């Protein structure tokens, strides 16, 4: 038969274990919050970069539109690069 002292000891051990688990989980939560904040900053930076690239892309499209087919030979390639970079930024934001 389990004595009162043994039951109290078991409860104390269980409380101590739960306190340790609580501290460990609290540490993990703090780390996850820091990581989430870093991810939010990265998303914000990528959104700004996408907006910059879209503006630059629009300027290039407008400048090419006025020139017809005889535009700068590198303009189409530059637009393709910008579109590709925008796609990469959007993929990073969505992941």
PDB file of N, CA and C in Angstrom:
ATOM      1  N   UNK A   1       0.834  -1.175   0.000  1.00  0.00           N
ATOM      2  CA  UNK A   1       0.000   0.000   0.000  1.00  0.00           C
ATOM      3  C   UNK A   1       0.886   1.247   0.000  1.00  0.00           C
ATOM      4  N   UNK A   2       0.464   2.259  -0.769  1.00  0.00           N
ATOM      5  CA  UNK A   2       1.245   3.483  -0.887  1.00  0.00           C
ATOM      6  C   UNK A   2       0.934   4.388   0.299  1.00  0.00           C
ATOM      7  N   UNK A   3       2.010   4.846   0.910  1.00  0.00           N
ATOM      8  CA  UNK A   3       1.830   5.721   2.068  1.00  0.00           C
ATOM      9  C   UNK A   3       1.618   7.149   1.597  1.00  0.00           C
ATOM     10  N   UNK A   4       1.173   7.949   2.508  1.00  0.00           N
ATOM     11  CA  UNK A   4       0.945   9.361   2.219  1.00  0.00           C
ATOM     12  C   UNK A   4       2.245  10.050   1.823  1.00  0.00           C
ATOM     13  N   UNK A   5       3.328   9.698   2.476  1.00  0.00           N
ATOM     14  CA  UNK A   5       4.630  10.284   2.165  1.00  0.00           C
ATOM     15  C   UNK A   5       5.045   9.937   0.740  1.00  0.00           C
ATOM     16  N   UNK A   6       4.848   8.697   0.331  1.00  0.00           N
ATOM     17  CA  UNK A   6       5.192   8.281  -1.031  1.00  0.00           C
ATOM     18  C   UNK A   6       4.332   9.012  -2.052  1.00  0.00           C
ATOM     19  N   UNK A   7       3.058   9.160  -1.746  1.00  0.00           N
ATOM     20  CA  UNK A   7       2.166   9.883  -2.661  1.00  0.00           C
ATOM     21  C   UNK A   7       2.577  11.347  -2.787  1.00  0.00           C
ATOM     22  N   UNK A   8       2.946  11.961  -1.670  1.00  0.00           N
ATOM     23  CA  UNK A   8       3.403  13.355  -1.700  1.00  0.00           C
ATOM     24  C   UNK A   8       4.696  13.496  -2.502  1.00  0.00           C
ATOM     25  N   UNK A   9       5.605  12.554  -2.323  1.00  0.00           N
ATOM     26  CA  UNK A   9       6.849  12.566  -3.090  1.00  0.00           C
ATOM     27  C   UNK A   9       6.569  12.437  -4.586  1.00  0.00           C
ATOM     28  N   UNK A  10       5.673  11.562  -4.953  1.00  0.00           N
ATOM     29  CA  UNK A  10       5.328  11.375  -6.359  1.00  0.00           C
ATOM     30  C   UNK A  10       4.707  12.650  -6.942  1.00  0.00           C
ATOM     31  N   UNK A  11       3.855  13.292  -6.159  1.00  0.00           N
ATOM     32  CA  UNK A  11       3.242  14.540  -6.619  1.00  0.00           C
ATOM     33  C   UNK A  11       4.317  15.621  -6.759  1.00  0.00           C
ATOM     34  N   UNK A  12       5.241  15.710  -5.819  1.00  0.00           N
ATOM     35  CA  UNK A  12       6.318  16.692  -5.902  1.00  0.00           C
ATOM     36  C   UNK A  12       7.187  16.458  -7.139  1.00  0.00           C
ATOM     37  N   UNK A  13       7.492  15.217  -7.417  1.00  0.00           N
ATOM     38  CA  UNK A  13       8.285  14.896  -8.607  1.00  0.00           C
ATOM     39  C   UNK A  13       7.532  15.272  -9.881  1.00  0.00           C
ATOM     40  N   UNK A  14       6.247  15.003  -9.894  1.00  0.00           N
ATOM     41  CA  UNK A  14       5.444  15.341 -11.068  1.00  0.00           C
ATOM     42  C   UNK A  14       5.367  16.862 -11.248  1.00  0.00           C
ATOM     43  N   UNK A  15       5.207  17.594 -10.167  1.00  0.00           N
ATOM     44  CA  UNK A  15       5.171  19.061 -10.242  1.00  0.00           C
ATOM     45  C   UNK A  15       6.513  19.582 -10.740  1.00  0.00           C
ATOM     46  N   UNK A  16       7.607  19.041 -10.233  1.00  0.00           N
ATOM     47  CA  UNK A  16       8.939  19.476 -10.667  1.00  0.00           C
ATOM     48  C   UNK A  16       9.124  19.199 -12.162  1.00  0.00           C
ATOM     49  N   UNK A  17       8.675  18.034 -12.619  1.00  0.00           N
ATOM     50  CA  UNK A  17       8.768  17.698 -14.040  1.00  0.00           C
ATOM     51  C   UNK A  17       7.941  18.663 -14.882  1.00  0.00           C
ATOM     52  N   UNK A  18       6.742  18.963 -14.424  1.00  0.00           N
ATOM     53  CA  UNK A  18       5.879  19.888 -15.158  1.00  0.00           C
ATOM     54  C   UNK A  18       6.476  21.299 -15.202  1.00  0.00           C
ATOM     55  N   UNK A  19       7.113  21.708 -14.143  1.00  0.00           N
ATOM     56  CA  UNK A  19       7.762  23.030 -14.115  1.00  0.00           C
ATOM     57  C   UNK A  19       8.907  23.061 -15.124  1.00  0.00           C
ATOM     58  N   UNK A  20       9.702  21.994 -15.175  1.00  0.00           N
ATOM     59  CA  UNK A  20      10.796  21.928 -16.153  1.00  0.00           C
ATOM     60  C   UNK A  20      10.258  21.965 -17.583  1.00  0.00           C
ATOM     61  N   UNK A  21       9.199  21.205 -17.832  1.00  0.00           N
ATOM     62  CA  UNK A  21       8.590  21.202 -19.166  1.00  0.00           C
ATOM     63  C   UNK A  21       8.044  22.581 -19.516  1.00  0.00           C
ATOM     64  N   UNK A  22       7.448  23.248 -18.541  1.00  0.00           N
ATOM     65  CA  UNK A  22       6.913  24.590 -18.768  1.00  0.00           C
ATOM     66  C   UNK A  22       8.031  25.560 -19.151  1.00  0.00           C
ATOM     67  N   UNK A  23       9.141  25.498 -18.444  1.00  0.00           N
ATOM     68  CA  UNK A  23      10.273  26.374 -18.758  1.00  0.00           C
ATOM     69  C   UNK A  23      10.827  26.086 -20.149  1.00  0.00           C
ATOM     70  N   UNK A  24      10.930  24.808 -20.491  1.00  0.00           N
ATOM     71  CA  UNK A  24      11.436  24.435 -21.816  1.00  0.00           C
ATOM     72  C   UNK A  24      10.489  24.937 -22.910  1.00  0.00           C
ATOM     73  N   UNK A  25       9.198  24.766 -22.715  1.00  0.00           N
ATOM     74  CA  UNK A  25       8.220  25.228 -23.698  1.00  0.00           C
ATOM     75  C   UNK A  25       8.212  26.751 -23.800  1.00  0.00           C
ATOM     76  N   UNK A  26       8.406  27.411 -22.678  1.00  0.00           N
ATOM     77  CA  UNK A  26       8.465  28.871 -22.688  1.00  0.00           C
ATOM     78  C   UNK A  26       9.676  29.340 -23.501  1.00  0.00           C
ATOM     79  N   UNK A  27      10.800  28.656 -23.366  1.00  0.00           N
ATOM     80  CA  UNK A  27      11.992  28.980 -24.159  1.00  0.00           C
ATOM     81  C   UNK A  27      11.753  28.758 -25.644  1.00  0.00           C
ATOM     82  N   UNK A  28      11.107  27.649 -25.983  1.00  0.00           N
ATOM     83  CA  UNK A  28      10.790  27.369 -27.388  1.00  0.00           C
ATOM     84  C   UNK A  28       9.841  28.417 -27.955  1.00  0.00           C
ATOM     85  N   UNK A  29       8.886  28.851 -27.155  1.00  0.00           N
ATOM     86  CA  UNK A  29       7.949  29.881 -27.594  1.00  0.00           C
ATOM     87  C   UNK A  29       8.681  31.189 -27.882  1.00  0.00           C
ATOM     88  N   UNK A  30       9.592  31.572 -26.996  1.00  0.00           N
ATOM     89  CA  UNK A  30      10.354  32.798 -27.211  1.00  0.00           C
ATOM     90  C   UNK A  30      11.174  32.703 -28.498  1.00  0.00           C
ATOM     91  N   UNK A  31      11.785  31.551 -28.731  1.00  0.00           N
ATOM     92  CA  UNK A  31      12.568  31.348 -29.949  1.00  0.00           C
ATOM     93  C   UNK A  31      11.664  31.407 -31.190  1.00  0.00           C
ATOM     94  N   UNK A  32      10.500  30.815 -31.118  1.00  0.00           N
ATOM     95  CA  UNK A  32       9.569  30.831 -32.247  1.00  0.00           C
ATOM     96  C   UNK A  32       9.084  32.256 -32.524  1.00  0.00           C
ATOM     97  N   UNK A  33       8.880  33.043 -31.483  1.00  0.00           N
ATOM     98  CA  UNK A  33       8.458  34.434 -31.672  1.00  0.00           C
ATOM     99  C   UNK A  33       9.546  35.241 -32.361  1.00  0.00           C
ATOM    100  N   UNK A  34      10.814  35.004 -31.993  1.00  0.00           N
ATOM    101  CA  UNK A  34      11.922  35.693 -32.648  1.00  0.00           C
ATOM    102  C   UNK A  34      12.000  35.295 -34.116  1.00  0.00           C
ATOM    103  N   UNK A  35      11.862  34.013 -34.400  1.00  0.00           N
ATOM    104  CA  UNK A  35      11.888  33.543 -35.782  1.00  0.00           C
ATOM    105  C   UNK A  35      10.726  34.123 -36.583  1.00  0.00           C
ATOM    106  N   UNK A  36       9.548  34.193 -35.970  1.00  0.00           N
ATOM    107  CA  UNK A  36       8.387  34.757 -36.661  1.00  0.00           C
ATOM    108  C   UNK A  36       8.622  36.234 -36.974  1.00  0.00           C
ATOM    109  N   UNK A  37       9.220  36.950 -36.041  1.00  0.00           N
ATOM    110  CA  UNK A  37       9.526  38.361 -36.273  1.00  0.00           C
ATOM    111  C   UNK A  37      10.540  38.506 -37.415  1.00  0.00           C
ATOM    112  N   UNK A  38      11.542  37.644 -37.446  1.00  0.00           N
ATOM    113  CA  UNK A  38      12.516  37.669 -38.544  1.00  0.00           C
ATOM    114  C   UNK A  38      11.835  37.395 -39.880  1.00  0.00           C
ATOM    115  N   UNK A  39      10.927  36.438 -39.900  1.00  0.00           N
ATOM    116  CA  UNK A  39      10.206  36.113 -41.134  1.00  0.00           C
ATOM    117  C   UNK A  39       9.331  37.282 -41.579  1.00  0.00           C
ATOM    118  N   UNK A  40       8.694  37.949 -40.614  1.00  0.00           N
ATOM    119  CA  UNK A  40       7.877  39.111 -40.974  1.00  0.00           C
ATOM    120  C   UNK A  40       8.740  40.212 -41.582  1.00  0.00           C
ATOM    121  N   UNK A  41       9.937  40.430 -41.007  1.00  0.00           N
ATOM    122  CA  UNK A  41      10.843  41.430 -41.566  1.00  0.00           C
ATOM    123  C   UNK A  41      11.270  41.051 -42.982  1.00  0.00           C
ATOM    124  N   UNK A  42      11.580  39.775 -43.186  1.00  0.00           N
ATOM    125  CA  UNK A  42      11.974  39.306 -44.514  1.00  0.00           C
ATOM    126  C   UNK A  42      10.835  39.504 -45.515  1.00  0.00           C
ATOM    127  N   UNK A  43       9.630  39.172 -45.105  1.00  0.00           N
ATOM    128  CA  UNK A  43       8.474  39.354 -45.986  1.00  0.00           C
ATOM    129  C   UNK A  43       8.308  40.828 -46.333  1.00  0.00           C
ATOM    130  N   UNK A  44       8.439  41.696 -45.345  1.00  0.00           N
ATOM    131  CA  UNK A  44       8.312  43.131 -45.608  1.00  0.00           C
ATOM    132  C   UNK A  44       9.372  43.610 -46.585  1.00  0.00           C
ATOM    133  N   UNK A  45      10.609  43.162 -46.391  1.00  0.00           N
ATOM    134  CA  UNK A  45      11.686  43.552 -47.305  1.00  0.00           C
ATOM    135  C   UNK A  45      11.423  43.040 -48.715  1.00  0.00           C
ATOM    136  N   UNK A  46      10.957  41.812 -48.817  1.00  0.00           N
ATOM    137  CA  UNK A  46      10.668  41.245 -50.133  1.00  0.00           C
ATOM    138  C   UNK A  46       9.511  41.967 -50.810  1.00  0.00           C
ATOM    139  N   UNK A  47       8.515  42.371 -50.035  1.00  0.00           N
ATOM    140  CA  UNK A  47       7.404  43.117 -50.616  1.00  0.00           C
ATOM    141  C   UNK A  47       7.884  44.460 -51.171  1.00  0.00           C
ATOM    142  N   UNK A  48       8.773  45.117 -50.431  1.00  0.00           N
ATOM    143  CA  UNK A  48       9.331  46.386 -50.902  1.00  0.00           C
ATOM    144  C   UNK A  48      10.124  46.156 -52.183  1.00  0.00           C
ATOM    145  N   UNK A  49      10.916  45.094 -52.198  1.00  0.00           N
ATOM    146  CA  UNK A  49      11.722  44.788 -53.391  1.00  0.00           C
ATOM    147  C   UNK A  49      10.825  44.469 -54.595  1.00  0.00           C
ATOM    148  N   UNK A  50       9.755  43.730 -54.360  1.00  0.00           N
ATOM    149  CA  UNK A  50       8.823  43.419 -55.448  1.00  0.00           C
ATOM    150  C   UNK A  50       8.218  44.709 -55.990  1.00  0.00           C
ATOM    151  N   UNK A  51       7.830  45.614 -55.106  1.00  0.00           N
ATOM    152  CA  UNK A  51       7.250  46.882 -55.553  1.00  0.00           C
ATOM    153  C   UNK A  51       8.259  47.673 -56.385  1.00  0.00           C
ATOM    154  N   UNK A  52       9.527  47.690 -55.941  1.00  0.00           N
ATOM    155  CA  UNK A  52      10.573  48.385 -56.702  1.00  0.00           C
ATOM    156  C   UNK A  52      10.747  47.754 -58.085  1.00  0.00           C
ATOM    157  N   UNK A  53      10.786  46.443 -58.121  1.00  0.00           N
ATOM    158  CA  UNK A  53      10.967  45.747 -59.391  1.00  0.00           C
ATOM    159  C   UNK A  53       9.777  45.956 -60.324  1.00  0.00           C
ATOM    160  N   UNK A  54       8.581  45.971 -59.753  1.00  0.00           N
ATOM    161  CA  UNK A  54       7.404  46.204 -60.583  1.00  0.00           C
ATOM    162  C   UNK A  54       7.423  47.618 -61.168  1.00  0.00           C
ATOM    163  N   UNK A  55       7.853  48.602 -60.357  1.00  0.00           N
ATOM    164  CA  UNK A  55       7.963  49.969 -60.885  1.00  0.00           C
ATOM    165  C   UNK A  55       8.999  50.035 -61.999  1.00  0.00           C
ATOM    166  N   UNK A  56      10.148  49.408 -61.758  1.00  0.00           N
ATOM    167  CA  UNK A  56      11.201  49.402 -62.772  1.00  0.00           C
ATOM    168  C   UNK A  56      10.725  48.684 -64.037  1.00  0.00           C
ATOM    169  N   UNK A  57      10.018  47.596 -63.853  1.00  0.00           N
ATOM    170  CA  UNK A  57       9.476  46.841 -64.981  1.00  0.00           C
ATOM    171  C   UNK A  57       8.499  47.705 -65.774  1.00  0.00           C
ATOM    172  N   UNK A  58       7.649  48.440 -65.069  1.00  0.00           N
ATOM    173  CA  UNK A  58       6.672  49.301 -65.743  1.00  0.00           C
ATOM    174  C   UNK A  58       7.372  50.404 -66.543  1.00  0.00           C
ATOM    175  N   UNK A  59       8.422  50.981 -65.974  1.00  0.00           N
ATOM    176  CA  UNK A  59       9.182  52.011 -66.689  1.00  0.00           C
ATOM    177  C   UNK A  59       9.782  51.422 -67.955  1.00  0.00           C
ATOM    178  N   UNK A  60      10.343  50.230 -67.844  1.00  0.00           N
ATOM    179  CA  UNK A  60      10.938  49.595 -69.019  1.00  0.00           C
ATOM    180  C   UNK A  60       9.883  49.273 -70.070  1.00  0.00           C
ATOM    181  N   UNK A  61       8.735  48.822 -69.635  1.00  0.00           N
ATOM    182  CA  UNK A  61       7.662  48.510 -70.598  1.00  0.00           C
ATOM    183  C   UNK A  61       7.190  49.780 -71.312  1.00  0.00           C
ATOM    184  N   UNK A  62       7.050  50.864 -70.547  1.00  0.00           N
ATOM    185  CA  UNK A  62       6.597  52.114 -71.152  1.00  0.00           C
ATOM    186  C   UNK A  62       7.634  52.648 -72.133  1.00  0.00           C
ATOM    187  N   UNK A  63       8.902  52.556 -71.749  1.00  0.00           N
ATOM    188  CA  UNK A  63       9.943  53.059 -72.647  1.00  0.00           C
ATOM    189  C   UNK A  63      10.016  52.207 -73.907  1.00  0.00           C
ATOM    190  N   UNK A  64       9.776  50.931 -73.780  1.00  0.00           N
ATOM    191  CA  UNK A  64       9.792  50.055 -74.948  1.00  0.00           C
ATOM    192  C   UNK A  64       8.560  50.286 -75.802  1.00  0.00           C
ATOM    193  N   UNK A  65       7.434  50.579 -75.184  1.00  0.00           N
ATOM    194  CA  UNK A  65       6.184  50.791 -75.920  1.00  0.00           C
ATOM    195  C   UNK A  65       6.288  51.966 -76.876  1.00  0.00           C
ATOM    196  N   UNK A  66       7.001  53.007 -76.533  1.00  0.00           N
ATOM    197  CA  UNK A  66       7.147  54.165 -77.395  1.00  0.00           C
ATOM    198  C   UNK A  66       8.115  53.934 -78.526  1.00  0.00           C
ATOM    199  N   UNK A  67       8.971  52.960 -78.388  1.00  0.00           N
ATOM    200  CA  UNK A  67      10.000  52.712 -79.396  1.00  0.00           C
ATOM    201  C   UNK A  67       9.576  51.682 -80.425  1.00  0.00           C
ATOM    202  N   UNK A  68       8.507  50.988 -80.159  1.00  0.00           N
ATOM    203  CA  UNK A  68       8.078  49.942 -81.092  1.00  0.00           C
ATOM    204  C   UNK A  68       9.019  48.752 -81.023  1.00  0.00           C
ATOM    205  N   UNK A  69       9.298  48.139 -82.141  1.00  0.00           N
ATOM    206  CA  UNK A  69      10.144  46.944 -82.195  1.00  0.00           C
ATOM    207  C   UNK A  69      11.627  47.286 -82.259  1.00  0.00           C
ATOM    208  N   UNK A  70      11.962  48.522 -82.480  1.00  0.00           N
ATOM    209  CA  UNK A  70      13.378  48.876 -82.633  1.00  0.00           C
ATOM    210  C   UNK A  70      13.989  49.332 -81.312  1.00  0.00           C
ATOM    211  N   UNK A  71      13.487  48.818 -80.182  1.00  0.00           N
ATOM    212  CA  UNK A  71      13.976  49.229 -78.865  1.00  0.00           C
ATOM    213  C   UNK A  71      15.375  48.725 -78.591  1.00  0.00           C
ATOM    214  N   UNK A  72      15.854  49.069 -77.424  1.00  0.00           N
ATOM    215  CA  UNK A  72      17.170  48.634 -76.984  1.00  0.00           C
ATOM    216  C   UNK A  72      17.248  47.113 -77.044  1.00  0.00           C
ATOM    217  N   UNK A  73      18.330  46.546 -77.562  1.00  0.00           N
ATOM    218  CA  UNK A  73      18.392  45.080 -77.676  1.00  0.00           C
ATOM    219  C   UNK A  73      18.374  44.373 -76.322  1.00  0.00           C
ATOM    220  N   UNK A  74      18.776  45.045 -75.252  1.00  0.00           N
ATOM    221  CA  UNK A  74      18.809  44.390 -73.946  1.00  0.00           C
ATOM    222  C   UNK A  74      17.564  44.604 -73.110  1.00  0.00           C
ATOM    223  N   UNK A  75      16.621  45.410 -73.587  1.00  0.00           N
ATOM    224  CA  UNK A  75      15.443  45.741 -72.785  1.00  0.00           C
ATOM    225  C   UNK A  75      14.588  44.514 -72.502  1.00  0.00           C
ATOM    226  N   UNK A  76      14.326  43.696 -73.491  1.00  0.00           N
ATOM    227  CA  UNK A  76      13.494  42.503 -73.280  1.00  0.00           C
ATOM    228  C   UNK A  76      14.153  41.565 -72.275  1.00  0.00           C
ATOM    229  N   UNK A  77      15.457  41.402 -72.398  1.00  0.00           N
ATOM    230  CA  UNK A  77      16.162  40.530 -71.459  1.00  0.00           C
ATOM    231  C   UNK A  77      16.078  41.082 -70.042  1.00  0.00           C
ATOM    232  N   UNK A  78      16.204  42.411 -69.927  1.00  0.00           N
ATOM    233  CA  UNK A  78      16.126  43.037 -68.597  1.00  0.00           C
ATOM    234  C   UNK A  78      14.726  42.860 -68.009  1.00  0.00           C
ATOM    235  N   UNK A  79      13.708  43.026 -68.843  1.00  0.00           N
ATOM    236  CA  UNK A  79      12.341  42.825 -68.362  1.00  0.00           C
ATOM    237  C   UNK A  79      12.158  41.379 -67.915  1.00  0.00           C
ATOM    238  N   UNK A  80      12.679  40.447 -68.696  1.00  0.00           N
ATOM    239  CA  UNK A  80      12.582  39.029 -68.315  1.00  0.00           C
ATOM    240  C   UNK A  80      13.276  38.764 -66.989  1.00  0.00           C
ATOM    241  N   UNK A  81      14.438  39.383 -66.782  1.00  0.00           N
ATOM    242  CA  UNK A  81      15.159  39.230 -65.511  1.00  0.00           C
ATOM    243  C   UNK A  81      14.338  39.789 -64.358  1.00  0.00           C
ATOM    244  N   UNK A  82      13.739  40.963 -64.576  1.00  0.00           N
ATOM    245  CA  UNK A  82      12.930  41.579 -63.523  1.00  0.00           C
ATOM    246  C   UNK A  82      11.711  40.719 -63.192  1.00  0.00           C
ATOM    247  N   UNK A  83      11.054  40.219 -64.214  1.00  0.00           N
ATOM    248  CA  UNK A  83       9.884  39.363 -63.986  1.00  0.00           C
ATOM    249  C   UNK A  83      10.304  38.112 -63.217  1.00  0.00           C
ATOM    250  N   UNK A  84      11.433  37.540 -63.577  1.00  0.00           N
ATOM    251  CA  UNK A  84      11.930  36.351 -62.876  1.00  0.00           C
ATOM    252  C   UNK A  84      12.241  36.684 -61.410  1.00  0.00           C
ATOM    253  N   UNK A  85      12.856  37.824 -61.164  1.00  0.00           N
ATOM    254  CA  UNK A  85      13.175  38.207 -59.786  1.00  0.00           C
ATOM    255  C   UNK A  85      11.902  38.479 -58.993  1.00  0.00           C
ATOM    256  N   UNK A  86      10.916  39.096 -59.629  1.00  0.00           N
ATOM    257  CA  UNK A  86       9.633  39.319 -58.955  1.00  0.00           C
ATOM    258  C   UNK A  86       9.000  37.976 -58.590  1.00  0.00           C
ATOM    259  N   UNK A  87       9.040  37.027 -59.508  1.00  0.00           N
ATOM    260  CA  UNK A  87       8.478  35.698 -59.235  1.00  0.00           C
ATOM    261  C   UNK A  87       9.186  35.025 -58.065  1.00  0.00           C
ATOM    262  N   UNK A  88      10.512  35.155 -58.021  1.00  0.00           N
ATOM    263  CA  UNK A  88      11.262  34.561 -56.899  1.00  0.00           C
ATOM    264  C   UNK A  88      10.867  35.214 -55.582  1.00  0.00           C
ATOM    265  N   UNK A  89      10.750  36.543 -55.575  1.00  0.00           N
ATOM    266  CA  UNK A  89      10.357  37.247 -54.355  1.00  0.00           C
ATOM    267  C   UNK A  89       8.962  36.822 -53.894  1.00  0.00           C
ATOM    268  N   UNK A  90       8.048  36.712 -54.842  1.00  0.00           N
ATOM    269  CA  UNK A  90       6.693  36.272 -54.488  1.00  0.00           C
ATOM    270  C   UNK A  90       6.690  34.851 -53.952  1.00  0.00           C
ATOM    271  N   UNK A  91       7.516  34.013 -54.539  1.00  0.00           N
ATOM    272  CA  UNK A  91       7.609  32.626 -54.046  1.00  0.00           C
ATOM    273  C   UNK A  91       8.139  32.602 -52.615  1.00  0.00           C
ATOM    274  N   UNK A  92       9.123  33.457 -52.306  1.00  0.00           N
ATOM    275  CA  UNK A  92       9.651  33.527 -50.948  1.00  0.00           C
ATOM    276  C   UNK A  92       8.610  34.059 -49.981  1.00  0.00           C
ATOM    277  N   UNK A  93       7.829  35.038 -50.428  1.00  0.00           N
ATOM    278  CA  UNK A  93       6.792  35.597 -49.559  1.00  0.00           C
ATOM    279  C   UNK A  93       5.744  34.537 -49.262  1.00  0.00           C
ATOM    280  N   UNK A  94       5.387  33.745 -50.244  1.00  0.00           N
ATOM    281  CA  UNK A  94       4.325  32.753 -50.084  1.00  0.00           C
ATOM    282  C   UNK A  94       4.783  31.501 -49.361  1.00  0.00           C
ATOM    283  N   UNK A  95       6.094  31.317 -49.203  1.00  0.00           N
ATOM    284  CA  UNK A  95       6.547  30.082 -48.539  1.00  0.00           C
ATOM    285  C   UNK A  95       6.609  30.237 -47.055  1.00  0.00           C
TER     286      UNK A  95
END
